[in-house]
Amino acid sequence: MASELADEPCEACTSDDEPMDESEYSEYLAELDSDVWDVINDHHLEASYEFEDFRDALEFTYEVGELAEDEWHHPDISLSWGEVGIDMWTHKIDGLHKADFVMAARMDRIHEDYA
């Protein structure tokens, strides 16, 4: 079940924004699928989504790519048989921003169709 975070706008940061620290992002992280997402070194989100086969993993990758284009917020994506890896952070501030968590929640929602 995707969180309400997925319904929030994916607002871009400004160059005046600072990257979030744990006290700021912990509430957003709690709304993501904890079996999938981790924060690495207080810098970026990392996910590993599992699938029944390569076709589903490929289709999910395509849907995430369309989401990234729509929001102009592009994660690093790796695709292998039965697994899609995602690394995401806001490059403009070299760290985490609320938009990263909104995107992650939307990816969790997309993944529900494959579970």
PDB file of N, CA and C in Angstrom:
ATOM      1  N   MET A   1       0.837  -1.179   0.000  1.00  0.00           N
ATOM      2  CA  MET A   1       0.000   0.000   0.000  1.00  0.00           C
ATOM      3  C   MET A   1       0.883   1.243   0.000  1.00  0.00           C
ATOM      4  N   ALA A   2       0.789   2.030  -1.029  1.00  0.00           N
ATOM      5  CA  ALA A   2       1.603   3.242  -1.147  1.00  0.00           C
ATOM      6  C   ALA A   2       1.113   4.308  -0.178  1.00  0.00           C
ATOM      7  N   SER A   3       2.022   5.108   0.256  1.00  0.00           N
ATOM      8  CA  SER A   3       1.696   6.157   1.213  1.00  0.00           C
ATOM      9  C   SER A   3       1.072   7.362   0.526  1.00  0.00           C
ATOM     10  N   GLU A   4       0.512   8.250   1.336  1.00  0.00           N
ATOM     11  CA  GLU A   4      -0.033   9.498   0.821  1.00  0.00           C
ATOM     12  C   GLU A   4       1.068  10.385   0.252  1.00  0.00           C
ATOM     13  N   LEU A   5       2.300  10.113   0.630  1.00  0.00           N
ATOM     14  CA  LEU A   5       3.437  10.869   0.112  1.00  0.00           C
ATOM     15  C   LEU A   5       3.459  10.824  -1.419  1.00  0.00           C
ATOM     16  N   ALA A   6       2.995   9.726  -1.990  1.00  0.00           N
ATOM     17  CA  ALA A   6       2.969   9.575  -3.445  1.00  0.00           C
ATOM     18  C   ALA A   6       2.032  10.577  -4.111  1.00  0.00           C
ATOM     19  N   ASP A   7       1.088  11.109  -3.364  1.00  0.00           N
ATOM     20  CA  ASP A   7       0.130  12.075  -3.912  1.00  0.00           C
ATOM     21  C   ASP A   7       0.611  13.512  -3.800  1.00  0.00           C
ATOM     22  N   GLU A   8       1.696  13.734  -3.086  1.00  0.00           N
ATOM     23  CA  GLU A   8       2.206  15.097  -2.913  1.00  0.00           C
ATOM     24  C   GLU A   8       2.944  15.547  -4.172  1.00  0.00           C
ATOM     25  N   PRO A   9       3.014  16.850  -4.404  1.00  0.00           N
ATOM     26  CA  PRO A   9       3.736  17.330  -5.580  1.00  0.00           C
ATOM     27  C   PRO A   9       5.233  17.059  -5.467  1.00  0.00           C
ATOM     28  N   CYS A  10       5.836  16.812  -6.594  1.00  0.00           N
ATOM     29  CA  CYS A  10       7.278  16.576  -6.648  1.00  0.00           C
ATOM     30  C   CYS A  10       7.931  17.902  -7.021  1.00  0.00           C
ATOM     31  N   GLU A  11       8.133  18.737  -6.017  1.00  0.00           N
ATOM     32  CA  GLU A  11       8.641  20.086  -6.242  1.00  0.00           C
ATOM     33  C   GLU A  11      10.158  20.103  -6.253  1.00  0.00           C
ATOM     34  N   ALA A  12      10.696  20.735  -7.253  1.00  0.00           N
ATOM     35  CA  ALA A  12      12.154  20.833  -7.377  1.00  0.00           C
ATOM     36  C   ALA A  12      12.714  21.733  -6.283  1.00  0.00           C
ATOM     37  N   CYS A  13      13.937  21.462  -5.921  1.00  0.00           N
ATOM     38  CA  CYS A  13      14.597  22.296  -4.925  1.00  0.00           C
ATOM     39  C   CYS A  13      15.201  23.522  -5.604  1.00  0.00           C
ATOM     40  N   THR A  14      15.677  24.418  -4.783  1.00  0.00           N
ATOM     41  CA  THR A  14      16.428  25.558  -5.293  1.00  0.00           C
ATOM     42  C   THR A  14      17.873  25.394  -4.846  1.00  0.00           C
ATOM     43  N   SER A  15      18.758  26.158  -5.418  1.00  0.00           N
ATOM     44  CA  SER A  15      20.166  26.052  -5.026  1.00  0.00           C
ATOM     45  C   SER A  15      20.388  26.576  -3.603  1.00  0.00           C
ATOM     46  N   ASP A  16      19.366  27.229  -3.022  1.00  0.00           N
ATOM     47  CA  ASP A  16      19.463  27.680  -1.629  1.00  0.00           C
ATOM     48  C   ASP A  16      19.113  26.577  -0.639  1.00  0.00           C
ATOM     49  N   ASP A  17      18.474  25.505  -1.104  1.00  0.00           N
ATOM     50  CA  ASP A  17      18.102  24.403  -0.216  1.00  0.00           C
ATOM     51  C   ASP A  17      19.334  23.623   0.222  1.00  0.00           C
ATOM     52  N   GLU A  18      19.251  23.111   1.431  1.00  0.00           N
ATOM     53  CA  GLU A  18      20.304  22.249   1.972  1.00  0.00           C
ATOM     54  C   GLU A  18      19.812  20.808   1.910  1.00  0.00           C
ATOM     55  N   PRO A  19      20.716  19.835   1.776  1.00  0.00           N
ATOM     56  CA  PRO A  19      20.296  18.437   1.836  1.00  0.00           C
ATOM     57  C   PRO A  19      19.692  18.123   3.207  1.00  0.00           C
ATOM     58  N   MET A  20      18.740  17.232   3.213  1.00  0.00           N
ATOM     59  CA  MET A  20      18.096  16.817   4.463  1.00  0.00           C
ATOM     60  C   MET A  20      19.065  15.982   5.298  1.00  0.00           C
ATOM     61  N   ASP A  21      18.936  16.104   6.626  1.00  0.00           N
ATOM     62  CA  ASP A  21      19.643  15.189   7.507  1.00  0.00           C
ATOM     63  C   ASP A  21      18.612  14.194   8.049  1.00  0.00           C
ATOM     64  N   GLU A  22      19.071  13.243   8.845  1.00  0.00           N
ATOM     65  CA  GLU A  22      18.193  12.162   9.294  1.00  0.00           C
ATOM     66  C   GLU A  22      16.967  12.675  10.042  1.00  0.00           C
ATOM     67  N   SER A  23      17.127  13.703  10.841  1.00  0.00           N
ATOM     68  CA  SER A  23      15.978  14.223  11.588  1.00  0.00           C
ATOM     69  C   SER A  23      14.918  14.790  10.653  1.00  0.00           C
ATOM     70  N   GLU A  24      15.329  15.243   9.488  1.00  0.00           N
ATOM     71  CA  GLU A  24      14.389  15.810   8.520  1.00  0.00           C
ATOM     72  C   GLU A  24      13.773  14.747   7.608  1.00  0.00           C
ATOM     73  N   TYR A  25      14.521  13.718   7.241  1.00  0.00           N
ATOM     74  CA  TYR A  25      13.988  12.739   6.285  1.00  0.00           C
ATOM     75  C   TYR A  25      13.373  11.509   6.924  1.00  0.00           C
ATOM     76  N   SER A  26      13.563  11.291   8.222  1.00  0.00           N
ATOM     77  CA  SER A  26      13.102  10.041   8.845  1.00  0.00           C
ATOM     78  C   SER A  26      11.597   9.834   8.713  1.00  0.00           C
ATOM     79  N   GLU A  27      10.812  10.903   8.806  1.00  0.00           N
ATOM     80  CA  GLU A  27       9.363  10.769   8.667  1.00  0.00           C
ATOM     81  C   GLU A  27       8.988  10.357   7.240  1.00  0.00           C
ATOM     82  N   TYR A  28       9.697  10.851   6.243  1.00  0.00           N
ATOM     83  CA  TYR A  28       9.422  10.464   4.855  1.00  0.00           C
ATOM     84  C   TYR A  28       9.873   9.032   4.595  1.00  0.00           C
ATOM     85  N   LEU A  29      11.030   8.658   5.121  1.00  0.00           N
ATOM     86  CA  LEU A  29      11.523   7.293   4.940  1.00  0.00           C
ATOM     87  C   LEU A  29      10.548   6.277   5.523  1.00  0.00           C
ATOM     88  N   ALA A  30       9.912   6.622   6.630  1.00  0.00           N
ATOM     89  CA  ALA A  30       8.946   5.717   7.271  1.00  0.00           C
ATOM     90  C   ALA A  30       7.728   5.450   6.383  1.00  0.00           C
ATOM     91  N   GLU A  31       7.477   6.312   5.412  1.00  0.00           N
ATOM     92  CA  GLU A  31       6.334   6.126   4.511  1.00  0.00           C
ATOM     93  C   GLU A  31       6.671   5.272   3.290  1.00  0.00           C
ATOM     94  N   LEU A  32       7.937   4.917   3.128  1.00  0.00           N
ATOM     95  CA  LEU A  32       8.353   4.099   1.987  1.00  0.00           C
ATOM     96  C   LEU A  32       8.359   2.623   2.369  1.00  0.00           C
ATOM     97  N   ASP A  33       8.378   1.759   1.360  1.00  0.00           N
ATOM     98  CA  ASP A  33       8.448   0.317   1.578  1.00  0.00           C
ATOM     99  C   ASP A  33       9.806  -0.013   2.201  1.00  0.00           C
ATOM    100  N   SER A  34       9.792  -0.387   3.482  1.00  0.00           N
ATOM    101  CA  SER A  34      11.045  -0.627   4.213  1.00  0.00           C
ATOM    102  C   SER A  34      11.774  -1.877   3.734  1.00  0.00           C
ATOM    103  N   ASP A  35      11.087  -2.757   3.001  1.00  0.00           N
ATOM    104  CA  ASP A  35      11.757  -3.932   2.427  1.00  0.00           C
ATOM    105  C   ASP A  35      12.535  -3.574   1.166  1.00  0.00           C
ATOM    106  N   VAL A  36      12.307  -2.367   0.655  1.00  0.00           N
ATOM    107  CA  VAL A  36      12.879  -1.954  -0.619  1.00  0.00           C
ATOM    108  C   VAL A  36      13.914  -0.836  -0.449  1.00  0.00           C
ATOM    109  N   TRP A  37      13.589   0.176   0.356  1.00  0.00           N
ATOM    110  CA  TRP A  37      14.368   1.413   0.421  1.00  0.00           C
ATOM    111  C   TRP A  37      15.264   1.529   1.646  1.00  0.00           C
ATOM    112  N   ASP A  38      16.443   2.100   1.445  1.00  0.00           N
ATOM    113  CA  ASP A  38      17.372   2.480   2.510  1.00  0.00           C
ATOM    114  C   ASP A  38      17.969   3.826   2.154  1.00  0.00           C
ATOM    115  N   VAL A  39      18.351   4.574   3.182  1.00  0.00           N
ATOM    116  CA  VAL A  39      19.143   5.777   2.970  1.00  0.00           C
ATOM    117  C   VAL A  39      20.597   5.387   3.182  1.00  0.00           C
ATOM    118  N   ILE A  40      21.447   5.758   2.256  1.00  0.00           N
ATOM    119  CA  ILE A  40      22.865   5.413   2.308  1.00  0.00           C
ATOM    120  C   ILE A  40      23.677   6.667   2.633  1.00  0.00           C
ATOM    121  N   ASN A  41      24.411   6.590   3.731  1.00  0.00           N
ATOM    122  CA  ASN A  41      25.326   7.665   4.154  1.00  0.00           C
ATOM    123  C   ASN A  41      24.674   9.043   4.206  1.00  0.00           C
ATOM    124  N   ASP A  42      23.396   9.079   4.590  1.00  0.00           N
ATOM    125  CA  ASP A  42      22.652  10.344   4.650  1.00  0.00           C
ATOM    126  C   ASP A  42      22.741  11.131   3.341  1.00  0.00           C
ATOM    127  N   HIS A  43      23.001  10.428   2.234  1.00  0.00           N
ATOM    128  CA  HIS A  43      23.220  11.095   0.952  1.00  0.00           C
ATOM    129  C   HIS A  43      22.196  10.732  -0.110  1.00  0.00           C
ATOM    130  N   HIS A  44      21.866   9.444  -0.210  1.00  0.00           N
ATOM    131  CA  HIS A  44      20.958   9.034  -1.285  1.00  0.00           C
ATOM    132  C   HIS A  44      20.077   7.870  -0.858  1.00  0.00           C
ATOM    133  N   LEU A  45      19.006   7.717  -1.592  1.00  0.00           N
ATOM    134  CA  LEU A  45      18.102   6.584  -1.423  1.00  0.00           C
ATOM    135  C   LEU A  45      18.556   5.452  -2.333  1.00  0.00           C
ATOM    136  N   GLU A  46      18.452   4.246  -1.825  1.00  0.00           N
ATOM    137  CA  GLU A  46      18.802   3.064  -2.599  1.00  0.00           C
ATOM    138  C   GLU A  46      17.673   2.052  -2.440  1.00  0.00           C
ATOM    139  N   ALA A  47      17.251   1.475  -3.569  1.00  0.00           N
ATOM    140  CA  ALA A  47      16.161   0.504  -3.560  1.00  0.00           C
ATOM    141  C   ALA A  47      16.542  -0.727  -4.351  1.00  0.00           C
ATOM    142  N   SER A  48      15.909  -1.820  -3.976  1.00  0.00           N
ATOM    143  CA  SER A  48      16.016  -3.053  -4.744  1.00  0.00           C
ATOM    144  C   SER A  48      14.625  -3.671  -4.815  1.00  0.00           C
ATOM    145  N   TYR A  49      14.008  -3.578  -5.981  1.00  0.00           N
ATOM    146  CA  TYR A  49      12.685  -4.149  -6.218  1.00  0.00           C
ATOM    147  C   TYR A  49      12.847  -5.530  -6.850  1.00  0.00           C
ATOM    148  N   GLU A  50      12.073  -6.493  -6.364  1.00  0.00           N
ATOM    149  CA  GLU A  50      12.129  -7.855  -6.898  1.00  0.00           C
ATOM    150  C   GLU A  50      10.899  -8.150  -7.751  1.00  0.00           C
ATOM    151  N   PHE A  51      11.119  -9.005  -8.771  1.00  0.00           N
ATOM    152  CA  PHE A  51      10.071  -9.350  -9.727  1.00  0.00           C
ATOM    153  C   PHE A  51      10.111 -10.842 -10.024  1.00  0.00           C
ATOM    154  N   GLU A  52       9.002 -11.329 -10.581  1.00  0.00           N
ATOM    155  CA  GLU A  52       8.880 -12.743 -10.936  1.00  0.00           C
ATOM    156  C   GLU A  52       9.770 -13.114 -12.122  1.00  0.00           C
ATOM    157  N   ASP A  53      10.028 -12.142 -13.008  1.00  0.00           N
ATOM    158  CA  ASP A  53      10.768 -12.451 -14.212  1.00  0.00           C
ATOM    159  C   ASP A  53      11.382 -11.188 -14.808  1.00  0.00           C
ATOM    160  N   PHE A  54      12.091 -11.353 -15.878  1.00  0.00           N
ATOM    161  CA  PHE A  54      12.753 -10.219 -16.530  1.00  0.00           C
ATOM    162  C   PHE A  54      11.740  -9.261 -17.148  1.00  0.00           C
ATOM    163  N   ARG A  55      10.689  -9.787 -17.762  1.00  0.00           N
ATOM    164  CA  ARG A  55       9.685  -8.952 -18.440  1.00  0.00           C
ATOM    165  C   ARG A  55       9.073  -7.945 -17.458  1.00  0.00           C
ATOM    166  N   ASP A  56       8.651  -8.412 -16.279  1.00  0.00           N
ATOM    167  CA  ASP A  56       8.063  -7.495 -15.298  1.00  0.00           C
ATOM    168  C   ASP A  56       9.086  -6.452 -14.844  1.00  0.00           C
ATOM    169  N   ALA A  57      10.313  -6.877 -14.616  1.00  0.00           N
ATOM    170  CA  ALA A  57      11.359  -5.928 -14.213  1.00  0.00           C
ATOM    171  C   ALA A  57      11.574  -4.878 -15.300  1.00  0.00           C
ATOM    172  N   LEU A  58      11.565  -5.313 -16.543  1.00  0.00           N
ATOM    173  CA  LEU A  58      11.737  -4.392 -17.665  1.00  0.00           C
ATOM    174  C   LEU A  58      10.567  -3.412 -17.760  1.00  0.00           C
ATOM    175  N   GLU A  59       9.346  -3.909 -17.636  1.00  0.00           N
ATOM    176  CA  GLU A  59       8.174  -3.035 -17.717  1.00  0.00           C
ATOM    177  C   GLU A  59       8.167  -2.020 -16.566  1.00  0.00           C
ATOM    178  N   PHE A  60       8.532  -2.454 -15.367  1.00  0.00           N
ATOM    179  CA  PHE A  60       8.634  -1.537 -14.226  1.00  0.00           C
ATOM    180  C   PHE A  60       9.687  -0.460 -14.502  1.00  0.00           C
ATOM    181  N   THR A  61      10.814  -0.872 -15.059  1.00  0.00           N
ATOM    182  CA  THR A  61      11.881   0.081 -15.394  1.00  0.00           C
ATOM    183  C   THR A  61      11.357   1.124 -16.368  1.00  0.00           C
ATOM    184  N   TYR A  62      10.597   0.696 -17.349  1.00  0.00           N
ATOM    185  CA  TYR A  62      10.011   1.627 -18.318  1.00  0.00           C
ATOM    186  C   TYR A  62       9.062   2.600 -17.616  1.00  0.00           C
ATOM    187  N   GLU A  63       8.219   2.094 -16.731  1.00  0.00           N
ATOM    188  CA  GLU A  63       7.275   2.965 -16.027  1.00  0.00           C
ATOM    189  C   GLU A  63       8.000   3.971 -15.134  1.00  0.00           C
ATOM    190  N   VAL A  64       9.055   3.546 -14.468  1.00  0.00           N
ATOM    191  CA  VAL A  64       9.848   4.462 -13.652  1.00  0.00           C
ATOM    192  C   VAL A  64      10.511   5.513 -14.545  1.00  0.00           C
ATOM    193  N   GLY A  65      10.974   5.097 -15.707  1.00  0.00           N
ATOM    194  CA  GLY A  65      11.557   6.049 -16.651  1.00  0.00           C
ATOM    195  C   GLY A  65      10.557   7.093 -17.109  1.00  0.00           C
ATOM    196  N   GLU A  66       9.330   6.687 -17.365  1.00  0.00           N
ATOM    197  CA  GLU A  66       8.277   7.635 -17.761  1.00  0.00           C
ATOM    198  C   GLU A  66       7.974   8.598 -16.615  1.00  0.00           C
ATOM    199  N   LEU A  67       7.905   8.086 -15.400  1.00  0.00           N
ATOM    200  CA  LEU A  67       7.700   8.939 -14.226  1.00  0.00           C
ATOM    201  C   LEU A  67       8.828   9.953 -14.104  1.00  0.00           C
ATOM    202  N   ALA A  68      10.054   9.499 -14.272  1.00  0.00           N
ATOM    203  CA  ALA A  68      11.216  10.386 -14.168  1.00  0.00           C
ATOM    204  C   ALA A  68      11.160  11.497 -15.212  1.00  0.00           C
ATOM    205  N   GLU A  69      10.770  11.159 -16.420  1.00  0.00           N
ATOM    206  CA  GLU A  69      10.642  12.166 -17.468  1.00  0.00           C
ATOM    207  C   GLU A  69       9.521  13.153 -17.159  1.00  0.00           C
ATOM    208  N   ASP A  70       8.391  12.637 -16.683  1.00  0.00           N
ATOM    209  CA  ASP A  70       7.259  13.502 -16.354  1.00  0.00           C
ATOM    210  C   ASP A  70       7.622  14.512 -15.267  1.00  0.00           C
ATOM    211  N   GLU A  71       8.402  14.070 -14.280  1.00  0.00           N
ATOM    212  CA  GLU A  71       8.740  14.929 -13.145  1.00  0.00           C
ATOM    213  C   GLU A  71      10.093  15.624 -13.307  1.00  0.00           C
ATOM    214  N   TRP A  72      10.819  15.253 -14.329  1.00  0.00           N
ATOM    215  CA  TRP A  72      12.171  15.774 -14.568  1.00  0.00           C
ATOM    216  C   TRP A  72      13.053  15.567 -13.341  1.00  0.00           C
ATOM    217  N   HIS A  73      12.960  14.337 -12.807  1.00  0.00           N
ATOM    218  CA  HIS A  73      13.760  13.945 -11.640  1.00  0.00           C
ATOM    219  C   HIS A  73      14.207  12.512 -11.902  1.00  0.00           C
ATOM    220  N   HIS A  74      15.469  12.344 -12.278  1.00  0.00           N
ATOM    221  CA  HIS A  74      15.937  11.091 -12.868  1.00  0.00           C
ATOM    222  C   HIS A  74      16.833  10.291 -11.928  1.00  0.00           C
ATOM    223  N   PRO A  75      16.396   9.087 -11.553  1.00  0.00           N
ATOM    224  CA  PRO A  75      17.232   8.209 -10.735  1.00  0.00           C
ATOM    225  C   PRO A  75      18.221   7.435 -11.603  1.00  0.00           C
ATOM    226  N   ASP A  76      19.200   6.839 -10.954  1.00  0.00           N
ATOM    227  CA  ASP A  76      20.044   5.838 -11.604  1.00  0.00           C
ATOM    228  C   ASP A  76      19.301   4.517 -11.473  1.00  0.00           C
ATOM    229  N   ILE A  77      19.169   3.794 -12.578  1.00  0.00           N
ATOM    230  CA  ILE A  77      18.391   2.554 -12.604  1.00  0.00           C
ATOM    231  C   ILE A  77      19.265   1.429 -13.126  1.00  0.00           C
ATOM    232  N   SER A  78      19.231   0.288 -12.430  1.00  0.00           N
ATOM    233  CA  SER A  78      19.900  -0.910 -12.936  1.00  0.00           C
ATOM    234  C   SER A  78      18.859  -2.019 -13.070  1.00  0.00           C
ATOM    235  N   LEU A  79      18.962  -2.759 -14.136  1.00  0.00           N
ATOM    236  CA  LEU A  79      17.998  -3.808 -14.457  1.00  0.00           C
ATOM    237  C   LEU A  79      18.731  -5.126 -14.600  1.00  0.00           C
ATOM    238  N   SER A  80      18.219  -6.137 -13.926  1.00  0.00           N
ATOM    239  CA  SER A  80      18.724  -7.499 -14.106  1.00  0.00           C
ATOM    240  C   SER A  80      17.529  -8.443 -14.007  1.00  0.00           C
ATOM    241  N   TRP A  81      17.754  -9.713 -14.237  1.00  0.00           N
ATOM    242  CA  TRP A  81      16.664 -10.670 -14.210  1.00  0.00           C
ATOM    243  C   TRP A  81      16.024 -10.654 -12.829  1.00  0.00           C
ATOM    244  N   GLY A  82      14.741 -10.264 -12.775  1.00  0.00           N
ATOM    245  CA  GLY A  82      13.987 -10.305 -11.536  1.00  0.00           C
ATOM    246  C   GLY A  82      14.311  -9.224 -10.521  1.00  0.00           C
ATOM    247  N   GLU A  83      15.071  -8.211 -10.907  1.00  0.00           N
ATOM    248  CA  GLU A  83      15.432  -7.161  -9.953  1.00  0.00           C
ATOM    249  C   GLU A  83      15.687  -5.837 -10.661  1.00  0.00           C
ATOM    250  N   VAL A  84      15.218  -4.759 -10.032  1.00  0.00           N
ATOM    251  CA  VAL A  84      15.511  -3.407 -10.484  1.00  0.00           C
ATOM    252  C   VAL A  84      16.086  -2.647  -9.301  1.00  0.00           C
ATOM    253  N   GLY A  85      17.261  -2.074  -9.507  1.00  0.00           N
ATOM    254  CA  GLY A  85      17.896  -1.252  -8.485  1.00  0.00           C
ATOM    255  C   GLY A  85      17.718   0.215  -8.815  1.00  0.00           C
ATOM    256  N   ILE A  86      17.492   1.012  -7.790  1.00  0.00           N
ATOM    257  CA  ILE A  86      17.306   2.456  -7.951  1.00  0.00           C
ATOM    258  C   ILE A  86      18.240   3.170  -6.973  1.00  0.00           C
ATOM    259  N   ASP A  87      18.981   4.149  -7.465  1.00  0.00           N
ATOM    260  CA  ASP A  87      19.733   5.085  -6.626  1.00  0.00           C
ATOM    261  C   ASP A  87      19.207   6.466  -6.966  1.00  0.00           C
ATOM    262  N   MET A  88      18.869   7.237  -5.914  1.00  0.00           N
ATOM    263  CA  MET A  88      18.260   8.528  -6.181  1.00  0.00           C
ATOM    264  C   MET A  88      18.663   9.546  -5.125  1.00  0.00           C
ATOM    265  N   TRP A  89      19.018  10.725  -5.616  1.00  0.00           N
ATOM    266  CA  TRP A  89      19.267  11.882  -4.773  1.00  0.00           C
ATOM    267  C   TRP A  89      19.106  13.110  -5.656  1.00  0.00           C
ATOM    268  N   THR A  90      19.087  14.261  -5.039  1.00  0.00           N
ATOM    269  CA  THR A  90      18.938  15.501  -5.788  1.00  0.00           C
ATOM    270  C   THR A  90      20.330  16.034  -6.087  1.00  0.00           C
ATOM    271  N   HIS A  91      20.705  15.966  -7.335  1.00  0.00           N
ATOM    272  CA  HIS A  91      22.062  16.338  -7.749  1.00  0.00           C
ATOM    273  C   HIS A  91      22.363  17.805  -7.486  1.00  0.00           C
ATOM    274  N   LYS A  92      21.363  18.655  -7.642  1.00  0.00           N
ATOM    275  CA  LYS A  92      21.562  20.096  -7.484  1.00  0.00           C
ATOM    276  C   LYS A  92      22.107  20.448  -6.095  1.00  0.00           C
ATOM    277  N   ILE A  93      21.696  19.668  -5.060  1.00  0.00           N
ATOM    278  CA  ILE A  93      22.167  19.928  -3.694  1.00  0.00           C
ATOM    279  C   ILE A  93      23.064  18.804  -3.182  1.00  0.00           C
ATOM    280  N   ASP A  94      23.336  17.821  -4.043  1.00  0.00           N
ATOM    281  CA  ASP A  94      24.172  16.661  -3.701  1.00  0.00           C
ATOM    282  C   ASP A  94      23.728  15.997  -2.406  1.00  0.00           C
ATOM    283  N   GLY A  95      22.436  15.724  -2.341  1.00  0.00           N
ATOM    284  CA  GLY A  95      21.886  15.056  -1.163  1.00  0.00           C
ATOM    285  C   GLY A  95      20.393  14.860  -1.313  1.00  0.00           C
ATOM    286  N   LEU A  96      19.760  14.582  -0.193  1.00  0.00           N
ATOM    287  CA  LEU A  96      18.342  14.248  -0.198  1.00  0.00           C
ATOM    288  C   LEU A  96      17.452  15.475  -0.061  1.00  0.00           C
ATOM    289  N   HIS A  97      16.353  15.433  -0.815  1.00  0.00           N
ATOM    290  CA  HIS A  97      15.327  16.475  -0.793  1.00  0.00           C
ATOM    291  C   HIS A  97      13.983  15.749  -0.736  1.00  0.00           C
ATOM    292  N   LYS A  98      12.950  16.426  -0.299  1.00  0.00           N
ATOM    293  CA  LYS A  98      11.628  15.798  -0.223  1.00  0.00           C
ATOM    294  C   LYS A  98      11.215  15.179  -1.552  1.00  0.00           C
ATOM    295  N   ALA A  99      11.589  15.799  -2.657  1.00  0.00           N
ATOM    296  CA  ALA A  99      11.215  15.271  -3.977  1.00  0.00           C
ATOM    297  C   ALA A  99      11.711  13.838  -4.169  1.00  0.00           C
ATOM    298  N   ASP A 100      12.853  13.490  -3.592  1.00  0.00           N
ATOM    299  CA  ASP A 100      13.370  12.121  -3.717  1.00  0.00           C
ATOM    300  C   ASP A 100      12.419  11.131  -3.064  1.00  0.00           C
ATOM    301  N   PHE A 101      11.872  11.507  -1.919  1.00  0.00           N
ATOM    302  CA  PHE A 101      10.962  10.623  -1.196  1.00  0.00           C
ATOM    303  C   PHE A 101       9.599  10.542  -1.873  1.00  0.00           C
ATOM    304  N   VAL A 102       9.145  11.637  -2.456  1.00  0.00           N
ATOM    305  CA  VAL A 102       7.898  11.619  -3.225  1.00  0.00           C
ATOM    306  C   VAL A 102       8.051  10.665  -4.414  1.00  0.00           C
ATOM    307  N   MET A 103       9.163  10.779  -5.116  1.00  0.00           N
ATOM    308  CA  MET A 103       9.413   9.885  -6.252  1.00  0.00           C
ATOM    309  C   MET A 103       9.478   8.427  -5.795  1.00  0.00           C
ATOM    310  N   ALA A 104      10.150   8.169  -4.690  1.00  0.00           N
ATOM    311  CA  ALA A 104      10.255   6.800  -4.168  1.00  0.00           C
ATOM    312  C   ALA A 104       8.873   6.245  -3.828  1.00  0.00           C
ATOM    313  N   ALA A 105       8.028   7.067  -3.213  1.00  0.00           N
ATOM    314  CA  ALA A 105       6.669   6.628  -2.880  1.00  0.00           C
ATOM    315  C   ALA A 105       5.876   6.312  -4.150  1.00  0.00           C
ATOM    316  N   ARG A 106       6.091   7.103  -5.183  1.00  0.00           N
ATOM    317  CA  ARG A 106       5.406   6.831  -6.456  1.00  0.00           C
ATOM    318  C   ARG A 106       5.914   5.533  -7.087  1.00  0.00           C
ATOM    319  N   MET A 107       7.199   5.258  -6.949  1.00  0.00           N
ATOM    320  CA  MET A 107       7.740   3.989  -7.452  1.00  0.00           C
ATOM    321  C   MET A 107       7.152   2.822  -6.667  1.00  0.00           C
ATOM    322  N   ASP A 108       7.001   2.974  -5.350  1.00  0.00           N
ATOM    323  CA  ASP A 108       6.364   1.932  -4.549  1.00  0.00           C
ATOM    324  C   ASP A 108       4.947   1.675  -5.068  1.00  0.00           C
ATOM    325  N   ARG A 109       4.243   2.737  -5.403  1.00  0.00           N
ATOM    326  CA  ARG A 109       2.862   2.598  -5.912  1.00  0.00           C
ATOM    327  C   ARG A 109       2.865   1.850  -7.250  1.00  0.00           C
ATOM    328  N   ILE A 110       3.800   2.186  -8.126  1.00  0.00           N
ATOM    329  CA  ILE A 110       3.897   1.468  -9.407  1.00  0.00           C
ATOM    330  C   ILE A 110       4.175  -0.010  -9.161  1.00  0.00           C
ATOM    331  N   HIS A 111       5.057  -0.296  -8.203  1.00  0.00           N
ATOM    332  CA  HIS A 111       5.459  -1.675  -7.926  1.00  0.00           C
ATOM    333  C   HIS A 111       4.293  -2.516  -7.399  1.00  0.00           C
ATOM    334  N   GLU A 112       3.310  -1.899  -6.769  1.00  0.00           N
ATOM    335  CA  GLU A 112       2.154  -2.647  -6.265  1.00  0.00           C
ATOM    336  C   GLU A 112       1.487  -3.456  -7.370  1.00  0.00           C
ATOM    337  N   ASP A 113       1.524  -2.952  -8.592  1.00  0.00           N
ATOM    338  CA  ASP A 113       0.907  -3.670  -9.713  1.00  0.00           C
ATOM    339  C   ASP A 113       1.646  -4.960 -10.063  1.00  0.00           C
ATOM    340  N   TYR A 114       2.873  -5.098  -9.588  1.00  0.00           N
ATOM    341  CA  TYR A 114       3.692  -6.275  -9.906  1.00  0.00           C
ATOM    342  C   TYR A 114       3.777  -7.255  -8.743  1.00  0.00           C
ATOM    343  N   ALA A 115       3.284  -6.863  -7.581  1.00  0.00           N
ATOM    344  CA  ALA A 115       3.413  -7.722  -6.388  1.00  0.00           C
ATOM    345  C   ALA A 115       2.359  -8.815  -6.369  1.00  0.00           C
TER     346      ALA A 115
END
